Amino acid sequence: MLNDSYSVGAKLAKEMLDQGDLLIRKEFSSNQNYYKNAQDSAVSSIQYIVKQFNKDVENLVVDVEFY
């Protein structure tokens, strides 16, 4: 009996996780503001990381492009 309950619960949890993931992906792809915020965050993170690895380079400019 316990094993059945566990497997049913695990299956339900996976289905809920998959549904949530799908809803999040749909929301992000349909909302331009989310996309822009994610893109801005990615640019900021990439620039920071590149500058941290090149601390000895003065006036370093990091351009990030998306295609």
Protein backbone atom coordinates (compact mmCIF):
# COMPACT_ATOMS: atom_id res chain seq x y z
CA MET A 1 0.00 0.00 0.00
CA LEU A 2 2.74 2.46 0.90
CA ASN A 3 4.59 1.88 -2.35
CA ASP A 4 1.42 2.62 -4.32
CA SER A 5 0.95 5.88 -2.42
CA TYR A 6 4.56 6.85 -3.02
CA SER A 7 4.44 6.13 -6.74
CA VAL A 8 1.13 7.96 -7.15
CA GLY A 9 2.51 10.96 -5.25
CA ALA A 10 5.74 10.97 -7.23
CA LYS A 11 3.82 10.79 -10.51
CA LEU A 12 1.52 13.63 -9.45
CA ALA A 13 4.48 15.77 -8.35
CA LYS A 14 6.21 15.23 -11.72
CA GLU A 15 3.05 16.11 -13.63
CA MET A 16 2.60 19.27 -11.57
CA LEU A 17 6.24 20.24 -12.09
CA ASP A 18 5.96 19.67 -15.84
CA GLN A 19 2.75 21.73 -16.02
CA GLY A 20 4.33 24.54 -14.02
CA ASP A 21 7.41 24.52 -16.22
CA LEU A 22 5.24 24.71 -19.33
CA LEU A 23 3.21 27.60 -17.92
CA ILE A 24 6.36 29.52 -16.99
CA ARG A 25 7.85 28.98 -20.46
CA LYS A 26 4.63 30.14 -22.12
CA GLU A 27 4.48 33.24 -19.92
CA PHE A 28 8.09 34.16 -20.59
CA SER A 29 7.77 33.64 -24.33
CA SER A 30 4.52 35.61 -24.55
CA ASN A 31 5.51 38.53 -22.34
CA GLN A 32 8.05 40.86 -23.97
CA ASN A 33 8.80 42.54 -20.64
CA TYR A 34 10.00 39.27 -19.10
CA TYR A 35 12.16 38.60 -22.15
CA LYS A 36 13.70 42.08 -22.00
CA ASN A 37 14.40 41.77 -18.26
CA ALA A 38 16.01 38.35 -18.76
CA GLN A 39 18.12 39.72 -21.59
CA ASP A 40 19.23 42.74 -19.52
CA SER A 41 20.13 40.45 -16.64
CA ALA A 42 22.16 38.19 -18.94
CA VAL A 43 24.05 41.19 -20.37
CA SER A 44 24.84 42.48 -16.90
CA SER A 45 26.03 39.07 -15.70
CA ILE A 46 28.21 38.46 -18.75
CA GLN A 47 29.79 41.91 -18.56
CA TYR A 48 30.52 41.46 -14.85
CA ILE A 49 32.12 38.04 -15.33
CA VAL A 50 34.28 39.18 -18.25
CA LYS A 51 35.45 42.25 -16.32
CA GLN A 52 36.24 40.16 -13.25
CA PHE A 53 38.46 37.87 -15.34
CA ASN A 54 40.19 40.90 -16.91
CA LYS A 55 40.74 43.20 -13.95
CA ASP A 56 44.11 44.27 -15.32
CA VAL A 57 42.55 45.68 -18.53
CA GLU A 58 41.72 49.37 -18.12
CA ASN A 59 38.57 50.83 -19.71
CA LEU A 60 37.42 47.42 -20.90
CA VAL A 61 34.20 47.59 -22.89
CA VAL A 62 32.15 44.39 -23.15
CA ASP A 63 29.51 44.30 -25.89
CA VAL A 64 26.95 41.52 -25.73
CA GLU A 65 24.70 40.75 -28.69
CA PHE A 66 21.73 38.42 -29.00
CA TYR A 67 20.61 36.82 -32.22
